[in-house]
C-alpha atoms as a PDB file:
ATOM      1  CA  MET A   1      48.121  29.006  37.657  1.00  0.00           C
ATOM      2  CA  LYS A   2      52.132  28.324  38.325  1.00  0.00           C
ATOM      3  CA  THR A   3      54.027  24.659  39.000  1.00  0.00           C
ATOM      4  CA  TYR A   4      54.792  24.528  42.534  1.00  0.00           C
ATOM      5  CA  THR A   5      58.710  22.793  43.206  1.00  0.00           C
ATOM      6  CA  ALA A   6      59.653  22.112  45.844  1.00  0.00           C
ATOM      7  CA  LYS A   7      63.701  23.671  47.208  1.00  0.00           C
ATOM      8  CA  ALA A   8      65.885  21.702  48.321  1.00  0.00           C
ATOM      9  CA  LYS A   9      65.900  23.647  51.867  1.00  0.00           C
ATOM     10  CA  GLU A  10      61.903  23.160  52.093  1.00  0.00           C
ATOM     11  CA  ILE A  11      62.482  19.600  52.736  1.00  0.00           C
ATOM     12  CA  ASP A  12      61.716  18.211  56.065  1.00  0.00           C
ATOM     13  CA  ALA A  13      62.422  14.589  56.091  1.00  0.00           C
ATOM     14  CA  GLN A  14      59.598  12.564  58.466  1.00  0.00           C
ATOM     15  CA  TRP A  15      61.259   9.336  60.048  1.00  0.00           C
ATOM     16  CA  HIS A  16      58.862   5.930  60.028  1.00  0.00           C
ATOM     17  CA  VAL A  17      59.226   3.248  61.782  1.00  0.00           C
ATOM     18  CA  ILE A  18      57.828   0.236  59.798  1.00  0.00           C
ATOM     19  CA  ASP A  19      56.692  -3.906  61.215  1.00  0.00           C
ATOM     20  CA  ALA A  20      57.785  -5.978  59.048  1.00  0.00           C
ATOM     21  CA  SER A  21      56.359  -9.500  60.992  1.00  0.00           C
ATOM     22  CA  GLY A  22      53.056 -10.812  58.564  1.00  0.00           C
ATOM     23  CA  LYS A  23      53.440  -8.842  56.139  1.00  0.00           C
ATOM     24  CA  THR A  24      54.125  -9.177  52.067  1.00  0.00           C
ATOM     25  CA  LEU A  25      57.126  -8.760  50.813  1.00  0.00           C
ATOM     26  CA  GLY A  26      55.650  -6.437  47.573  1.00  0.00           C
ATOM     27  CA  ARG A  27      53.434  -4.707  49.394  1.00  0.00           C
ATOM     28  CA  LEU A  28      55.445  -3.559  52.158  1.00  0.00           C
ATOM     29  CA  SER A  29      58.828  -2.825  49.238  1.00  0.00           C
ATOM     30  CA  THR A  30      55.848  -0.481  46.819  1.00  0.00           C
ATOM     31  CA  GLN A  31      54.805   1.165  50.102  1.00  0.00           C
ATOM     32  CA  VAL A  32      58.557   1.524  51.392  1.00  0.00           C
ATOM     33  CA  ALA A  33      59.036   2.413  48.067  1.00  0.00           C
ATOM     34  CA  THR A  34      56.462   5.314  48.563  1.00  0.00           C
ATOM     35  CA  LEU A  35      57.571   7.252  51.906  1.00  0.00           C
ATOM     36  CA  LEU A  36      60.956   7.010  49.699  1.00  0.00           C
ATOM     37  CA  MET A  37      60.265   8.470  47.106  1.00  0.00           C
ATOM     38  CA  GLY A  38      58.136  11.388  48.674  1.00  0.00           C
ATOM     39  CA  LYS A  39      54.881  10.028  46.808  1.00  0.00           C
ATOM     40  CA  HIS A  40      52.935  10.844  49.470  1.00  0.00           C
ATOM     41  CA  ARG A  41      53.538  14.263  49.949  1.00  0.00           C
ATOM     42  CA  PRO A  42      52.363  16.818  47.871  1.00  0.00           C
ATOM     43  CA  THR A  43      55.771  18.787  47.691  1.00  0.00           C
ATOM     44  CA  TYR A  44      56.827  15.838  45.836  1.00  0.00           C
ATOM     45  CA  THR A  45      58.951  16.920  43.206  1.00  0.00           C
ATOM     46  CA  PRO A  46      60.437  14.139  40.471  1.00  0.00           C
ATOM     47  CA  ASN A  47      63.655  15.437  40.978  1.00  0.00           C
ATOM     48  CA  LEU A  48      64.525  16.392  44.278  1.00  0.00           C
ATOM     49  CA  ASN A  49      64.609  13.870  47.543  1.00  0.00           C
ATOM     50  CA  THR A  50      61.696  14.526  48.906  1.00  0.00           C
ATOM     51  CA  GLY A  51      61.301  11.580  50.638  1.00  0.00           C
ATOM     52  CA  ASP A  52      61.719  10.568  54.342  1.00  0.00           C
ATOM     53  CA  PHE A  53      63.489   8.112  55.982  1.00  0.00           C
ATOM     54  CA  VAL A  54      62.234   4.308  56.466  1.00  0.00           C
ATOM     55  CA  VAL A  55      63.127   2.301  59.222  1.00  0.00           C
ATOM     56  CA  ILE A  56      61.819  -1.808  59.421  1.00  0.00           C
ATOM     57  CA  VAL A  57      61.706  -4.271  61.832  1.00  0.00           C
ATOM     58  CA  ASN A  58      61.419  -7.399  62.379  1.00  0.00           C
ATOM     59  CA  ALA A  59      62.814  -7.931  58.985  1.00  0.00           C
ATOM     60  CA  ALA A  60      62.966 -12.066  58.961  1.00  0.00           C
ATOM     61  CA  LYS A  61      59.489 -11.709  59.317  1.00  0.00           C
ATOM     62  CA  VAL A  62      58.322 -11.334  55.927  1.00  0.00           C
ATOM     63  CA  ARG A  63      56.649 -13.668  53.610  1.00  0.00           C
ATOM     64  CA  VAL A  64      55.821 -14.240  50.251  1.00  0.00           C
ATOM     65  CA  THR A  65      52.457 -16.267  49.451  1.00  0.00           C
ATOM     66  CA  GLY A  66      52.700 -19.551  46.557  1.00  0.00           C
ATOM     67  CA  ARG A  67      55.772 -21.045  46.436  1.00  0.00           C
ATOM     68  CA  LYS A  68      57.510 -18.327  46.032  1.00  0.00           C
ATOM     69  CA  ALA A  69      59.647 -18.934  48.834  1.00  0.00           C
ATOM     70  CA  GLN A  70      60.744 -22.060  47.056  1.00  0.00           C
ATOM     71  CA  GLN A  71      60.950 -20.651  43.006  1.00  0.00           C
ATOM     72  CA  LYS A  72      62.416 -17.308  43.675  1.00  0.00           C
ATOM     73  CA  ILE A  73      65.610 -16.636  42.931  1.00  0.00           C
ATOM     74  CA  TYR A  74      68.894 -14.365  43.680  1.00  0.00           C
ATOM     75  CA  TYR A  75      71.800 -13.378  41.056  1.00  0.00           C
ATOM     76  CA  ARG A  76      74.914 -12.065  41.397  1.00  0.00           C
ATOM     77  CA  HIS A  77      77.480 -12.255  39.262  1.00  0.00           C
ATOM     78  CA  SER A  78      81.715 -11.631  39.974  1.00  0.00           C
ATOM     79  CA  GLY A  79      81.808 -10.155  36.578  1.00  0.00           C
ATOM     80  CA  TYR A  80      84.290 -13.765  35.875  1.00  0.00           C
ATOM     81  CA  PRO A  81      83.469 -15.947  33.108  1.00  0.00           C
ATOM     82  CA  GLY A  82      80.986 -18.559  34.712  1.00  0.00           C
ATOM     83  CA  GLY A  83      80.237 -16.508  37.974  1.00  0.00           C
ATOM     84  CA  LEU A  84      77.298 -16.427  38.478  1.00  0.00           C
ATOM     85  CA  ARG A  85      75.993 -17.010  41.356  1.00  0.00           C
ATOM     86  CA  SER A  86      72.255 -17.344  42.326  1.00  0.00           C
ATOM     87  CA  THR A  87      70.375 -18.200  46.232  1.00  0.00           C
ATOM     88  CA  THR A  88      66.684 -19.021  46.712  1.00  0.00           C
ATOM     89  CA  PHE A  89      64.749 -17.292  48.483  1.00  0.00           C
ATOM     90  CA  GLU A  90      64.604 -19.569  51.983  1.00  0.00           C
ATOM     91  CA  ARG A  91      68.335 -19.371  52.032  1.00  0.00           C
ATOM     92  CA  MET A  92      68.917 -15.887  51.774  1.00  0.00           C
ATOM     93  CA  MET A  93      65.834 -15.783  55.016  1.00  0.00           C
ATOM     94  CA  GLU A  94      67.966 -17.946  56.615  1.00  0.00           C
ATOM     95  CA  THR A  95      71.900 -15.721  55.893  1.00  0.00           C
ATOM     96  CA  HIS A  96      70.474 -11.975  54.633  1.00  0.00           C
ATOM     97  CA  PRO A  97      67.322 -11.181  55.542  1.00  0.00           C
ATOM     98  CA  ILE A  98      67.822  -7.887  55.658  1.00  0.00           C
ATOM     99  CA  ARG A  99      68.524  -7.670  51.442  1.00  0.00           C
ATOM    100  CA  VAL A 100      65.626  -9.084  50.833  1.00  0.00           C
ATOM    101  CA  ILE A 101      63.802  -6.419  51.678  1.00  0.00           C
ATOM    102  CA  GLU A 102      66.027  -3.827  50.229  1.00  0.00           C
ATOM    103  CA  TYR A 103      66.755  -6.012  46.926  1.00  0.00           C
ATOM    104  CA  ALA A 104      62.964  -5.670  46.519  1.00  0.00           C
ATOM    105  CA  VAL A 105      62.756  -1.586  47.364  1.00  0.00           C
ATOM    106  CA  GLU A 106      65.438  -0.348  44.915  1.00  0.00           C
ATOM    107  CA  GLY A 107      63.485  -2.523  42.056  1.00  0.00           C
ATOM    108  CA  MET A 108      61.270  -0.236  42.955  1.00  0.00           C
ATOM    109  CA  LEU A 109      63.137   3.282  42.208  1.00  0.00           C
ATOM    110  CA  PRO A 110      64.850   5.225  40.033  1.00  0.00           C
ATOM    111  CA  LYS A 111      67.936   3.878  38.919  1.00  0.00           C
ATOM    112  CA  ASN A 112      69.996   6.867  39.014  1.00  0.00           C
ATOM    113  CA  ARG A 113      71.788   9.070  41.945  1.00  0.00           C
ATOM    114  CA  LEU A 114      68.788  10.553  43.421  1.00  0.00           C
ATOM    115  CA  GLY A 115      67.374   6.588  43.520  1.00  0.00           C
ATOM    116  CA  ARG A 116      70.173   5.933  45.700  1.00  0.00           C
ATOM    117  CA  SER A 117      70.058   8.867  47.760  1.00  0.00           C
ATOM    118  CA  MET A 118      66.382   7.655  48.346  1.00  0.00           C
ATOM    119  CA  LEU A 119      68.493   3.950  49.044  1.00  0.00           C
ATOM    120  CA  ARG A 120      70.589   6.033  51.495  1.00  0.00           C
ATOM    121  CA  ARG A 121      67.061   6.584  54.076  1.00  0.00           C
ATOM    122  CA  LEU A 122      65.868   3.091  54.344  1.00  0.00           C
ATOM    123  CA  LYS A 123      67.395   1.120  58.141  1.00  0.00           C
ATOM    124  CA  VAL A 124      66.485  -2.155  58.335  1.00  0.00           C
ATOM    125  CA  TYR A 125      66.636  -4.797  60.344  1.00  0.00           C
ATOM    126  CA  PRO A 126      66.246  -8.915  61.223  1.00  0.00           C
ATOM    127  CA  GLY A 127      64.659  -8.179  64.756  1.00  0.00           C
ATOM    128  CA  GLU A 128      62.593  -5.874  67.417  1.00  0.00           C
ATOM    129  CA  ASN A 129      65.494  -2.648  68.128  1.00  0.00           C
ATOM    130  CA  HIS A 130      66.969  -0.429  65.957  1.00  0.00           C
ATOM    131  CA  PRO A 131      69.299   1.939  66.925  1.00  0.00           C
ATOM    132  CA  HIS A 132      66.672   5.232  65.717  1.00  0.00           C
ATOM    133  CA  GLU A 133      64.961   5.838  68.607  1.00  0.00           C
ATOM    134  CA  ALA A 134      66.479   9.765  68.696  1.00  0.00           C
ATOM    135  CA  GLN A 135      64.995  10.348  65.798  1.00  0.00           C
ATOM    136  CA  VAL A 136      62.125   7.962  65.250  1.00  0.00           C
ATOM    137  CA  GLY A 137      60.591  10.431  68.416  1.00  0.00           C
ATOM    138  CA  LYS A 138      56.688   9.184  69.870  1.00  0.00           C
ATOM    139  CA  GLY A 139      54.448  10.145  67.273  1.00  0.00           C
ATOM    140  CA  SER A 140      56.293   8.165  63.914  1.00  0.00           C
ATOM    141  CA  GLU A 141      55.688   4.821  65.124  1.00  0.00           C
ATOM    142  CA  GLY A 142      53.664   2.825  62.977  1.00  0.00           C
ATOM    143  CA  GLY A 143      54.871   4.490  59.728  1.00  0.00           C
ATOM    144  CA  ALA A 144      52.481   3.109  56.535  1.00  0.00           C
ATOM    145  CA  GLY A 145      50.272   0.317  57.375  1.00  0.00           C
END
C-alpha cells in the first residue's frame, strides 16, 4: 500500500462562514485552525496548504470564561529598550476585536511560511456583514460549529 499525497492542483478550497457570537474564544479558534490547516479532509498533506477559507462574523461578540477578560494580557514590543506594551482582553475587544481571534488562531498554526499562507485565508469581521457572499454561496453557511 502506498501513502496518498495530495498535489497542489488537486486541492479545491471551500469557504466556511462561522458566527462567533456567544462562542468561547479557544474552542472557536481550534475549529478555525483545523479548517485552515485542512485536517478535516481525508486528503490532508502536512507540507501543502490543503485547508479552506474561513470567514468569521460577529467577532466582537466572542467571549472568554472565568476572569480572563481582566487577566488575559496581550504583549507587543517596539524593538527599542523599554518598548514593551501590554493590553488586556477587555481593552483589546473595545479597540480591535478582530485581532483577538487572529492572534488566537495564529498561535495554533505552524510557525513557518506555510502557516502564514494558511492565516491569509482567514477573514474576520466584527459585525454581521462580510464582502465574501459571492465566494461563500448558499450551501456553505454555518461552517464548523
